[in-house]
């Protein structure tokens, strides 16, 4: 199983990014998938997840409606749309699918 993340980058406060996570080598649609992050010097924390029935759930209180997760089973890909980004959203973002983790994609929010 391999998870390939993309979409990270540097953005100004208030900007947006869309992260993608493509799962290779496994049946994508049979499992939930989630996004996690690790900010510098901090523990991993959950961001958002989505079930096989497309039920999404925030894993932290601070999303405040800014983050949207969805999945496209035909593409074996999950997405995380992040709007109105704040400097405290700076972190390496990871996707997780059936116990497997991606390599992470860096998101930096800075003016």
PDB file of N, CA and C in Angstrom:
ATOM      1  N   UNK A   1       0.845  -1.186   0.000  1.00  0.00           N
ATOM      2  CA  UNK A   1       0.000   0.000   0.000  1.00  0.00           C
ATOM      3  C   UNK A   1       0.878   1.233   0.000  1.00  0.00           C
ATOM      4  N   UNK A   2       0.517   2.198  -0.820  1.00  0.00           N
ATOM      5  CA  UNK A   2       1.250   3.457  -0.847  1.00  0.00           C
ATOM      6  C   UNK A   2       0.252   4.603  -0.919  1.00  0.00           C
ATOM      7  N   UNK A   3       0.480   5.609  -0.099  1.00  0.00           N
ATOM      8  CA  UNK A   3      -0.354   6.800  -0.092  1.00  0.00           C
ATOM      9  C   UNK A   3       0.477   7.961  -0.604  1.00  0.00           C
ATOM     10  N   UNK A   4      -0.017   8.632  -1.594  1.00  0.00           N
ATOM     11  CA  UNK A   4       0.709   9.752  -2.196  1.00  0.00           C
ATOM     12  C   UNK A   4      -0.053  11.035  -1.954  1.00  0.00           C
ATOM     13  N   UNK A   5       0.546  11.931  -1.163  1.00  0.00           N
ATOM     14  CA  UNK A   5      -0.071  13.217  -0.847  1.00  0.00           C
ATOM     15  C   UNK A   5       0.530  14.300  -1.725  1.00  0.00           C
ATOM     16  N   UNK A   6      -0.278  15.297  -1.975  1.00  0.00           N
ATOM     17  CA  UNK A   6       0.194  16.462  -2.716  1.00  0.00           C
ATOM     18  C   UNK A   6      -0.684  17.651  -2.374  1.00  0.00           C
ATOM     19  N   UNK A   7      -0.227  18.819  -2.808  1.00  0.00           N
ATOM     20  CA  UNK A   7      -1.042  20.016  -2.653  1.00  0.00           C
ATOM     21  C   UNK A   7      -0.572  20.985  -1.603  1.00  0.00           C
ATOM     22  N   UNK A   8       0.441  20.594  -0.838  1.00  0.00           N
ATOM     23  CA  UNK A   8       0.945  21.516   0.167  1.00  0.00           C
ATOM     24  C   UNK A   8       1.682  22.681  -0.474  1.00  0.00           C
ATOM     25  N   UNK A   9       2.052  23.644   0.350  1.00  0.00           N
ATOM     26  CA  UNK A   9       2.780  24.792  -0.159  1.00  0.00           C
ATOM     27  C   UNK A   9       2.789  25.918   0.839  1.00  0.00           C
ATOM     28  N   UNK A  10       3.183  27.076   0.362  1.00  0.00           N
ATOM     29  CA  UNK A  10       3.230  28.280   1.190  1.00  0.00           C
ATOM     30  C   UNK A  10       2.083  29.192   0.763  1.00  0.00           C
ATOM     31  N   UNK A  11       1.339  29.665   1.730  1.00  0.00           N
ATOM     32  CA  UNK A  11       0.190  30.505   1.442  1.00  0.00           C
ATOM     33  C   UNK A  11       0.100  31.596   2.501  1.00  0.00           C
ATOM     34  N   UNK A  12      -0.450  32.709   2.136  1.00  0.00           N
ATOM     35  CA  UNK A  12      -0.625  33.798   3.098  1.00  0.00           C
ATOM     36  C   UNK A  12      -1.838  33.533   3.977  1.00  0.00           C
ATOM     37  N   UNK A  13      -1.865  34.120   5.159  1.00  0.00           N
ATOM     38  CA  UNK A  13      -3.067  33.993   6.003  1.00  0.00           C
ATOM     39  C   UNK A  13      -4.312  34.409   5.239  1.00  0.00           C
ATOM     40  N   UNK A  14      -5.362  33.598   5.402  1.00  0.00           N
ATOM     41  CA  UNK A  14      -6.589  33.833   4.667  1.00  0.00           C
ATOM     42  C   UNK A  14      -6.657  33.103   3.350  1.00  0.00           C
ATOM     43  N   UNK A  15      -5.549  32.506   2.937  1.00  0.00           N
ATOM     44  CA  UNK A  15      -5.507  31.794   1.669  1.00  0.00           C
ATOM     45  C   UNK A  15      -6.068  30.389   1.776  1.00  0.00           C
ATOM     46  N   UNK A  16      -6.014  29.671   0.660  1.00  0.00           N
ATOM     47  CA  UNK A  16      -6.584  28.328   0.580  1.00  0.00           C
ATOM     48  C   UNK A  16      -5.592  27.356  -0.056  1.00  0.00           C
ATOM     49  N   UNK A  17      -5.748  26.124   0.315  1.00  0.00           N
ATOM     50  CA  UNK A  17      -4.994  25.036  -0.311  1.00  0.00           C
ATOM     51  C   UNK A  17      -5.906  23.817  -0.387  1.00  0.00           C
ATOM     52  N   UNK A  18      -5.638  22.972  -1.371  1.00  0.00           N
ATOM     53  CA  UNK A  18      -6.349  21.704  -1.485  1.00  0.00           C
ATOM     54  C   UNK A  18      -5.326  20.582  -1.483  1.00  0.00           C
ATOM     55  N   UNK A  19      -5.424  19.736  -0.503  1.00  0.00           N
ATOM     56  CA  UNK A  19      -4.540  18.581  -0.409  1.00  0.00           C
ATOM     57  C   UNK A  19      -5.214  17.376  -1.034  1.00  0.00           C
ATOM     58  N   UNK A  20      -4.400  16.525  -1.626  1.00  0.00           N
ATOM     59  CA  UNK A  20      -4.892  15.283  -2.226  1.00  0.00           C
ATOM     60  C   UNK A  20      -4.121  14.109  -1.660  1.00  0.00           C
ATOM     61  N   UNK A  21      -4.795  12.990  -1.550  1.00  0.00           N
ATOM     62  CA  UNK A  21      -4.159  11.760  -1.087  1.00  0.00           C
ATOM     63  C   UNK A  21      -4.673  10.617  -1.945  1.00  0.00           C
ATOM     64  N   UNK A  22      -3.793  10.039  -2.733  1.00  0.00           N
ATOM     65  CA  UNK A  22      -4.149   8.925  -3.597  1.00  0.00           C
ATOM     66  C   UNK A  22      -3.602   7.641  -3.004  1.00  0.00           C
ATOM     67  N   UNK A  23      -4.467   6.652  -2.906  1.00  0.00           N
ATOM     68  CA  UNK A  23      -4.101   5.367  -2.324  1.00  0.00           C
ATOM     69  C   UNK A  23      -3.839   4.371  -3.449  1.00  0.00           C
ATOM     70  N   UNK A  24      -2.674   3.778  -3.415  1.00  0.00           N
ATOM     71  CA  UNK A  24      -2.275   2.818  -4.446  1.00  0.00           C
ATOM     72  C   UNK A  24      -2.064   1.453  -3.828  1.00  0.00           C
ATOM     73  N   UNK A  25      -2.543   0.442  -4.499  1.00  0.00           N
ATOM     74  CA  UNK A  25      -2.271  -0.905  -4.051  1.00  0.00           C
ATOM     75  C   UNK A  25      -3.246  -1.456  -3.043  1.00  0.00           C
ATOM     76  N   UNK A  26      -4.366  -0.761  -2.859  1.00  0.00           N
ATOM     77  CA  UNK A  26      -5.356  -1.250  -1.907  1.00  0.00           C
ATOM     78  C   UNK A  26      -6.728  -0.795  -2.335  1.00  0.00           C
ATOM     79  N   UNK A  27      -7.729  -1.473  -1.823  1.00  0.00           N
ATOM     80  CA  UNK A  27      -9.113  -1.139  -2.171  1.00  0.00           C
ATOM     81  C   UNK A  27      -9.542   0.095  -1.404  1.00  0.00           C
ATOM     82  N   UNK A  28      -9.491   1.208  -2.085  1.00  0.00           N
ATOM     83  CA  UNK A  28      -9.700   2.500  -1.433  1.00  0.00           C
ATOM     84  C   UNK A  28     -11.090   2.601  -0.816  1.00  0.00           C
ATOM     85  N   UNK A  29     -12.098   2.165  -1.534  1.00  0.00           N
ATOM     86  CA  UNK A  29     -13.470   2.439  -1.123  1.00  0.00           C
ATOM     87  C   UNK A  29     -13.933   1.623   0.083  1.00  0.00           C
ATOM     88  N   UNK A  30     -13.143   0.653   0.491  1.00  0.00           N
ATOM     89  CA  UNK A  30     -13.571  -0.232   1.580  1.00  0.00           C
ATOM     90  C   UNK A  30     -13.216   0.297   2.974  1.00  0.00           C
ATOM     91  N   UNK A  31     -12.513   1.419   3.043  1.00  0.00           N
ATOM     92  CA  UNK A  31     -12.067   1.906   4.345  1.00  0.00           C
ATOM     93  C   UNK A  31     -12.225   3.415   4.448  1.00  0.00           C
ATOM     94  N   UNK A  32     -12.371   3.847   5.677  1.00  0.00           N
ATOM     95  CA  UNK A  32     -12.360   5.276   5.949  1.00  0.00           C
ATOM     96  C   UNK A  32     -10.968   5.831   5.700  1.00  0.00           C
ATOM     97  N   UNK A  33     -10.898   7.127   5.569  1.00  0.00           N
ATOM     98  CA  UNK A  33      -9.608   7.782   5.379  1.00  0.00           C
ATOM     99  C   UNK A  33      -9.610   9.079   6.158  1.00  0.00           C
ATOM    100  N   UNK A  34      -8.450   9.442   6.672  1.00  0.00           N
ATOM    101  CA  UNK A  34      -8.378  10.644   7.492  1.00  0.00           C
ATOM    102  C   UNK A  34      -7.147  11.472   7.205  1.00  0.00           C
ATOM    103  N   UNK A  35      -7.255  12.731   7.596  1.00  0.00           N
ATOM    104  CA  UNK A  35      -6.127  13.654   7.516  1.00  0.00           C
ATOM    105  C   UNK A  35      -5.662  13.996   8.921  1.00  0.00           C
ATOM    106  N   UNK A  36      -4.363  14.021   9.104  1.00  0.00           N
ATOM    107  CA  UNK A  36      -3.741  14.350  10.375  1.00  0.00           C
ATOM    108  C   UNK A  36      -2.650  15.376  10.102  1.00  0.00           C
ATOM    109  N   UNK A  37      -2.162  15.983  11.150  1.00  0.00           N
ATOM    110  CA  UNK A  37      -1.089  16.954  10.960  1.00  0.00           C
ATOM    111  C   UNK A  37      -0.178  16.975  12.169  1.00  0.00           C
ATOM    112  N   UNK A  38       1.026  17.458  11.936  1.00  0.00           N
ATOM    113  CA  UNK A  38       1.973  17.647  13.024  1.00  0.00           C
ATOM    114  C   UNK A  38       2.648  18.996  12.828  1.00  0.00           C
ATOM    115  N   UNK A  39       2.376  19.880  13.749  1.00  0.00           N
ATOM    116  CA  UNK A  39       3.010  21.190  13.727  1.00  0.00           C
ATOM    117  C   UNK A  39       4.380  21.101  14.390  1.00  0.00           C
ATOM    118  N   UNK A  40       5.267  22.024  14.078  1.00  0.00           N
ATOM    119  CA  UNK A  40       6.610  21.990  14.673  1.00  0.00           C
ATOM    120  C   UNK A  40       6.558  21.953  16.191  1.00  0.00           C
ATOM    121  N   UNK A  41       7.224  20.972  16.767  1.00  0.00           N
ATOM    122  CA  UNK A  41       7.292  20.865  18.211  1.00  0.00           C
ATOM    123  C   UNK A  41       6.035  20.374  18.893  1.00  0.00           C
ATOM    124  N   UNK A  42       5.053  19.931  18.113  1.00  0.00           N
ATOM    125  CA  UNK A  42       3.795  19.491  18.701  1.00  0.00           C
ATOM    126  C   UNK A  42       3.499  18.045  18.338  1.00  0.00           C
ATOM    127  N   UNK A  43       2.506  17.496  19.045  1.00  0.00           N
ATOM    128  CA  UNK A  43       2.092  16.129  18.777  1.00  0.00           C
ATOM    129  C   UNK A  43       1.238  16.065  17.500  1.00  0.00           C
ATOM    130  N   UNK A  44       1.120  14.863  16.981  1.00  0.00           N
ATOM    131  CA  UNK A  44       0.186  14.642  15.873  1.00  0.00           C
ATOM    132  C   UNK A  44      -1.239  14.943  16.364  1.00  0.00           C
ATOM    133  N   UNK A  45      -2.032  15.474  15.475  1.00  0.00           N
ATOM    134  CA  UNK A  45      -3.433  15.654  15.817  1.00  0.00           C
ATOM    135  C   UNK A  45      -4.301  15.339  14.601  1.00  0.00           C
ATOM    136  N   UNK A  46      -5.482  14.824  14.876  1.00  0.00           N
ATOM    137  CA  UNK A  46      -6.409  14.553  13.794  1.00  0.00           C
ATOM    138  C   UNK A  46      -7.010  15.836  13.275  1.00  0.00           C
ATOM    139  N   UNK A  47      -7.274  15.872  11.981  1.00  0.00           N
ATOM    140  CA  UNK A  47      -7.887  17.049  11.358  1.00  0.00           C
ATOM    141  C   UNK A  47      -9.313  16.724  10.930  1.00  0.00           C
ATOM    142  N   UNK A  48      -9.455  15.707  10.110  1.00  0.00           N
ATOM    143  CA  UNK A  48     -10.770  15.370   9.583  1.00  0.00           C
ATOM    144  C   UNK A  48     -10.727  13.959   9.035  1.00  0.00           C
ATOM    145  N   UNK A  49     -11.880  13.293   9.000  1.00  0.00           N
ATOM    146  CA  UNK A  49     -11.936  11.956   8.433  1.00  0.00           C
ATOM    147  C   UNK A  49     -13.259  11.782   7.703  1.00  0.00           C
ATOM    148  N   UNK A  50     -13.306  10.750   6.869  1.00  0.00           N
ATOM    149  CA  UNK A  50     -14.529  10.475   6.113  1.00  0.00           C
ATOM    150  C   UNK A  50     -14.710   8.971   6.006  1.00  0.00           C
ATOM    151  N   UNK A  51     -15.939   8.532   6.212  1.00  0.00           N
ATOM    152  CA  UNK A  51     -16.233   7.102   6.213  1.00  0.00           C
ATOM    153  C   UNK A  51     -16.447   6.591   4.795  1.00  0.00           C
ATOM    154  N   UNK A  52     -16.672   5.293   4.701  1.00  0.00           N
ATOM    155  CA  UNK A  52     -16.935   4.695   3.391  1.00  0.00           C
ATOM    156  C   UNK A  52     -18.290   5.137   2.848  1.00  0.00           C
ATOM    157  N   UNK A  53     -19.137   5.649   3.724  1.00  0.00           N
ATOM    158  CA  UNK A  53     -20.446   6.158   3.300  1.00  0.00           C
ATOM    159  C   UNK A  53     -20.464   7.667   3.166  1.00  0.00           C
ATOM    160  N   UNK A  54     -19.265   8.243   3.031  1.00  0.00           N
ATOM    161  CA  UNK A  54     -19.120   9.680   2.807  1.00  0.00           C
ATOM    162  C   UNK A  54     -19.582  10.531   3.988  1.00  0.00           C
ATOM    163  N   UNK A  55     -19.514   9.980   5.171  1.00  0.00           N
ATOM    164  CA  UNK A  55     -19.821  10.779   6.355  1.00  0.00           C
ATOM    165  C   UNK A  55     -18.515  11.378   6.862  1.00  0.00           C
ATOM    166  N   UNK A  56     -18.462  12.687   6.878  1.00  0.00           N
ATOM    167  CA  UNK A  56     -17.246  13.361   7.302  1.00  0.00           C
ATOM    168  C   UNK A  56     -17.355  13.772   8.764  1.00  0.00           C
ATOM    169  N   UNK A  57     -16.214  13.932   9.370  1.00  0.00           N
ATOM    170  CA  UNK A  57     -16.179  14.295  10.781  1.00  0.00           C
ATOM    171  C   UNK A  57     -14.932  15.097  11.060  1.00  0.00           C
ATOM    172  N   UNK A  58     -15.104  16.208  11.737  1.00  0.00           N
ATOM    173  CA  UNK A  58     -13.949  16.959  12.205  1.00  0.00           C
ATOM    174  C   UNK A  58     -13.333  16.242  13.385  1.00  0.00           C
ATOM    175  N   UNK A  59     -12.012  16.192  13.414  1.00  0.00           N
ATOM    176  CA  UNK A  59     -11.309  15.535  14.512  1.00  0.00           C
ATOM    177  C   UNK A  59     -10.718  16.542  15.490  1.00  0.00           C
ATOM    178  N   UNK A  60     -10.945  17.823  15.227  1.00  0.00           N
ATOM    179  CA  UNK A  60     -10.475  18.852  16.132  1.00  0.00           C
ATOM    180  C   UNK A  60     -11.476  19.985  16.109  1.00  0.00           C
ATOM    181  N   UNK A  61     -11.536  20.728  17.217  1.00  0.00           N
ATOM    182  CA  UNK A  61     -12.507  21.810  17.326  1.00  0.00           C
ATOM    183  C   UNK A  61     -12.134  23.013  16.481  1.00  0.00           C
ATOM    184  N   UNK A  62     -10.840  23.170  16.200  1.00  0.00           N
ATOM    185  CA  UNK A  62     -10.382  24.398  15.560  1.00  0.00           C
ATOM    186  C   UNK A  62     -10.612  24.475  14.057  1.00  0.00           C
ATOM    187  N   UNK A  63     -11.223  23.452  13.462  1.00  0.00           N
ATOM    188  CA  UNK A  63     -11.474  23.534  12.015  1.00  0.00           C
ATOM    189  C   UNK A  63     -12.430  24.677  11.693  1.00  0.00           C
ATOM    190  N   UNK A  64     -13.431  24.883  12.533  1.00  0.00           N
ATOM    191  CA  UNK A  64     -14.343  26.031  12.422  1.00  0.00           C
ATOM    192  C   UNK A  64     -14.974  26.146  11.049  1.00  0.00           C
ATOM    193  N   UNK A  65     -15.230  25.031  10.416  1.00  0.00           N
ATOM    194  CA  UNK A  65     -15.866  25.062   9.101  1.00  0.00           C
ATOM    195  C   UNK A  65     -14.929  25.453   7.978  1.00  0.00           C
ATOM    196  N   UNK A  66     -13.665  25.586   8.252  1.00  0.00           N
ATOM    197  CA  UNK A  66     -12.706  26.003   7.230  1.00  0.00           C
ATOM    198  C   UNK A  66     -12.201  24.846   6.391  1.00  0.00           C
ATOM    199  N   UNK A  67     -12.297  23.633   6.937  1.00  0.00           N
ATOM    200  CA  UNK A  67     -11.749  22.465   6.264  1.00  0.00           C
ATOM    201  C   UNK A  67     -12.887  21.564   5.795  1.00  0.00           C
ATOM    202  N   UNK A  68     -12.767  21.071   4.572  1.00  0.00           N
ATOM    203  CA  UNK A  68     -13.746  20.154   4.009  1.00  0.00           C
ATOM    204  C   UNK A  68     -13.037  18.938   3.441  1.00  0.00           C
ATOM    205  N   UNK A  69     -13.493  17.774   3.834  1.00  0.00           N
ATOM    206  CA  UNK A  69     -12.918  16.524   3.336  1.00  0.00           C
ATOM    207  C   UNK A  69     -13.945  15.837   2.448  1.00  0.00           C
ATOM    208  N   UNK A  70     -13.465  15.228   1.377  1.00  0.00           N
ATOM    209  CA  UNK A  70     -14.326  14.388   0.546  1.00  0.00           C
ATOM    210  C   UNK A  70     -13.458  13.359  -0.167  1.00  0.00           C
ATOM    211  N   UNK A  71     -14.122  12.396  -0.766  1.00  0.00           N
ATOM    212  CA  UNK A  71     -13.393  11.316  -1.418  1.00  0.00           C
ATOM    213  C   UNK A  71     -14.007  11.019  -2.781  1.00  0.00           C
ATOM    214  N   UNK A  72     -13.179  10.596  -3.687  1.00  0.00           N
ATOM    215  CA  UNK A  72     -13.608  10.153  -5.008  1.00  0.00           C
ATOM    216  C   UNK A  72     -13.105   8.732  -5.188  1.00  0.00           C
ATOM    217  N   UNK A  73     -13.993   7.787  -4.949  1.00  0.00           N
ATOM    218  CA  UNK A  73     -13.580   6.383  -4.971  1.00  0.00           C
ATOM    219  C   UNK A  73     -13.060   5.962  -6.342  1.00  0.00           C
ATOM    220  N   UNK A  74     -13.623   6.515  -7.404  1.00  0.00           N
ATOM    221  CA  UNK A  74     -13.186   6.138  -8.756  1.00  0.00           C
ATOM    222  C   UNK A  74     -11.728   6.521  -8.989  1.00  0.00           C
ATOM    223  N   UNK A  75     -11.242   7.503  -8.256  1.00  0.00           N
ATOM    224  CA  UNK A  75      -9.849   7.941  -8.385  1.00  0.00           C
ATOM    225  C   UNK A  75      -8.995   7.478  -7.217  1.00  0.00           C
ATOM    226  N   UNK A  76      -9.595   6.735  -6.282  1.00  0.00           N
ATOM    227  CA  UNK A  76      -8.870   6.290  -5.073  1.00  0.00           C
ATOM    228  C   UNK A  76      -8.191   7.465  -4.379  1.00  0.00           C
ATOM    229  N   UNK A  77      -8.896   8.561  -4.323  1.00  0.00           N
ATOM    230  CA  UNK A  77      -8.294   9.796  -3.819  1.00  0.00           C
ATOM    231  C   UNK A  77      -9.223  10.487  -2.831  1.00  0.00           C
ATOM    232  N   UNK A  78      -8.618  10.994  -1.779  1.00  0.00           N
ATOM    233  CA  UNK A  78      -9.320  11.834  -0.812  1.00  0.00           C
ATOM    234  C   UNK A  78      -8.717  13.225  -0.871  1.00  0.00           C
ATOM    235  N   UNK A  79      -9.544  14.197  -0.531  1.00  0.00           N
ATOM    236  CA  UNK A  79      -9.113  15.590  -0.613  1.00  0.00           C
ATOM    237  C   UNK A  79      -9.389  16.293   0.708  1.00  0.00           C
ATOM    238  N   UNK A  80      -8.619  17.331   0.945  1.00  0.00           N
ATOM    239  CA  UNK A  80      -8.871  18.210   2.083  1.00  0.00           C
ATOM    240  C   UNK A  80      -8.758  19.638   1.574  1.00  0.00           C
ATOM    241  N   UNK A  81      -9.892  20.297   1.478  1.00  0.00           N
ATOM    242  CA  UNK A  81      -9.915  21.693   1.090  1.00  0.00           C
ATOM    243  C   UNK A  81      -9.784  22.538   2.345  1.00  0.00           C
ATOM    244  N   UNK A  82      -8.809  23.407   2.359  1.00  0.00           N
ATOM    245  CA  UNK A  82      -8.548  24.234   3.527  1.00  0.00           C
ATOM    246  C   UNK A  82      -8.666  25.695   3.123  1.00  0.00           C
ATOM    247  N   UNK A  83      -9.592  26.376   3.739  1.00  0.00           N
ATOM    248  CA  UNK A  83      -9.836  27.789   3.442  1.00  0.00           C
ATOM    249  C   UNK A  83      -9.537  28.647   4.663  1.00  0.00           C
ATOM    250  N   UNK A  84      -9.355  29.935   4.403  1.00  0.00           N
ATOM    251  CA  UNK A  84      -9.091  30.885   5.480  1.00  0.00           C
ATOM    252  C   UNK A  84      -7.998  30.370   6.413  1.00  0.00           C
ATOM    253  N   UNK A  85      -6.906  29.983   5.816  1.00  0.00           N
ATOM    254  CA  UNK A  85      -5.826  29.390   6.594  1.00  0.00           C
ATOM    255  C   UNK A  85      -5.198  30.402   7.534  1.00  0.00           C
ATOM    256  N   UNK A  86      -4.743  29.865   8.661  1.00  0.00           N
ATOM    257  CA  UNK A  86      -4.136  30.695   9.699  1.00  0.00           C
ATOM    258  C   UNK A  86      -2.702  30.227   9.927  1.00  0.00           C
ATOM    259  N   UNK A  87      -1.863  31.095  10.468  1.00  0.00           N
ATOM    260  CA  UNK A  87      -0.476  30.668  10.730  1.00  0.00           C
ATOM    261  C   UNK A  87      -0.407  29.408  11.606  1.00  0.00           C
ATOM    262  N   UNK A  88      -1.350  29.235  12.502  1.00  0.00           N
ATOM    263  CA  UNK A  88      -1.327  28.054  13.360  1.00  0.00           C
ATOM    264  C   UNK A  88      -1.718  26.768  12.622  1.00  0.00           C
ATOM    265  N   UNK A  89      -2.118  26.889  11.371  1.00  0.00           N
ATOM    266  CA  UNK A  89      -2.368  25.699  10.559  1.00  0.00           C
ATOM    267  C   UNK A  89      -1.084  25.159   9.930  1.00  0.00           C
ATOM    268  N   UNK A  90       0.002  25.882  10.107  1.00  0.00           N
ATOM    269  CA  UNK A  90       1.284  25.426   9.577  1.00  0.00           C
ATOM    270  C   UNK A  90       1.657  24.090  10.194  1.00  0.00           C
ATOM    271  N   UNK A  91       1.900  23.106   9.343  1.00  0.00           N
ATOM    272  CA  UNK A  91       2.185  21.750   9.816  1.00  0.00           C
ATOM    273  C   UNK A  91       2.500  20.872   8.610  1.00  0.00           C
ATOM    274  N   UNK A  92       2.974  19.689   8.910  1.00  0.00           N
ATOM    275  CA  UNK A  92       3.038  18.645   7.890  1.00  0.00           C
ATOM    276  C   UNK A  92       1.728  17.871   7.981  1.00  0.00           C
ATOM    277  N   UNK A  93       1.060  17.750   6.863  1.00  0.00           N
ATOM    278  CA  UNK A  93      -0.234  17.082   6.802  1.00  0.00           C
ATOM    279  C   UNK A  93      -0.065  15.679   6.214  1.00  0.00           C
ATOM    280  N   UNK A  94      -0.680  14.727   6.884  1.00  0.00           N
ATOM    281  CA  UNK A  94      -0.582  13.332   6.488  1.00  0.00           C
ATOM    282  C   UNK A  94      -1.977  12.757   6.265  1.00  0.00           C
ATOM    283  N   UNK A  95      -2.081  11.826   5.342  1.00  0.00           N
ATOM    284  CA  UNK A  95      -3.317  11.062   5.241  1.00  0.00           C
ATOM    285  C   UNK A  95      -3.036   9.656   5.753  1.00  0.00           C
ATOM    286  N   UNK A  96      -4.102   9.057   6.238  1.00  0.00           N
ATOM    287  CA  UNK A  96      -4.004   7.709   6.800  1.00  0.00           C
ATOM    288  C   UNK A  96      -5.169   6.878   6.276  1.00  0.00           C
ATOM    289  N   UNK A  97      -4.845   5.694   5.810  1.00  0.00           N
ATOM    290  CA  UNK A  97      -5.855   4.798   5.243  1.00  0.00           C
ATOM    291  C   UNK A  97      -5.520   3.387   5.675  1.00  0.00           C
ATOM    292  N   UNK A  98      -6.419   2.767   6.416  1.00  0.00           N
ATOM    293  CA  UNK A  98      -6.234   1.412   6.913  1.00  0.00           C
ATOM    294  C   UNK A  98      -4.862   1.203   7.552  1.00  0.00           C
ATOM    295  N   UNK A  99      -4.450   2.118   8.397  1.00  0.00           N
ATOM    296  CA  UNK A  99      -3.207   1.957   9.124  1.00  0.00           C
ATOM    297  C   UNK A  99      -1.964   2.388   8.376  1.00  0.00           C
ATOM    298  N   UNK A 100      -2.098   2.675   7.111  1.00  0.00           N
ATOM    299  CA  UNK A 100      -0.946   3.134   6.329  1.00  0.00           C
ATOM    300  C   UNK A 100      -0.947   4.654   6.262  1.00  0.00           C
ATOM    301  N   UNK A 101       0.253   5.228   6.306  1.00  0.00           N
ATOM    302  CA  UNK A 101       0.409   6.684   6.301  1.00  0.00           C
ATOM    303  C   UNK A 101       1.115   7.133   5.034  1.00  0.00           C
ATOM    304  N   UNK A 102       0.767   8.331   4.607  1.00  0.00           N
ATOM    305  CA  UNK A 102       1.512   8.939   3.522  1.00  0.00           C
ATOM    306  C   UNK A 102       2.794   9.554   4.037  1.00  0.00           C
ATOM    307  N   UNK A 103       3.567  10.129   3.126  1.00  0.00           N
ATOM    308  CA  UNK A 103       4.853  10.709   3.485  1.00  0.00           C
ATOM    309  C   UNK A 103       4.717  12.118   4.057  1.00  0.00           C
ATOM    310  N   UNK A 104       3.556  12.700   3.891  1.00  0.00           N
ATOM    311  CA  UNK A 104       3.311  14.037   4.403  1.00  0.00           C
ATOM    312  C   UNK A 104       3.545  15.113   3.368  1.00  0.00           C
ATOM    313  N   UNK A 105       2.809  16.195   3.513  1.00  0.00           N
ATOM    314  CA  UNK A 105       2.993  17.353   2.643  1.00  0.00           C
ATOM    315  C   UNK A 105       3.007  18.595   3.524  1.00  0.00           C
ATOM    316  N   UNK A 106       3.974  19.458   3.292  1.00  0.00           N
ATOM    317  CA  UNK A 106       4.160  20.626   4.151  1.00  0.00           C
ATOM    318  C   UNK A 106       3.192  21.736   3.767  1.00  0.00           C
ATOM    319  N   UNK A 107       2.526  22.273   4.770  1.00  0.00           N
ATOM    320  CA  UNK A 107       1.678  23.451   4.603  1.00  0.00           C
ATOM    321  C   UNK A 107       2.246  24.550   5.490  1.00  0.00           C
ATOM    322  N   UNK A 108       2.559  25.671   4.875  1.00  0.00           N
ATOM    323  CA  UNK A 108       3.101  26.806   5.614  1.00  0.00           C
ATOM    324  C   UNK A 108       2.225  28.021   5.349  1.00  0.00           C
ATOM    325  N   UNK A 109       1.722  28.592   6.431  1.00  0.00           N
ATOM    326  CA  UNK A 109       0.875  29.780   6.324  1.00  0.00           C
ATOM    327  C   UNK A 109       1.647  30.933   6.945  1.00  0.00           C
ATOM    328  N   UNK A 110       2.032  31.847   6.098  1.00  0.00           N
ATOM    329  CA  UNK A 110       2.883  32.937   6.563  1.00  0.00           C
ATOM    330  C   UNK A 110       2.737  34.137   5.650  1.00  0.00           C
ATOM    331  N   UNK A 111       2.818  35.302   6.249  1.00  0.00           N
ATOM    332  CA  UNK A 111       2.784  36.523   5.471  1.00  0.00           C
ATOM    333  C   UNK A 111       4.192  36.973   5.115  1.00  0.00           C
TER     334      UNK A 111
END
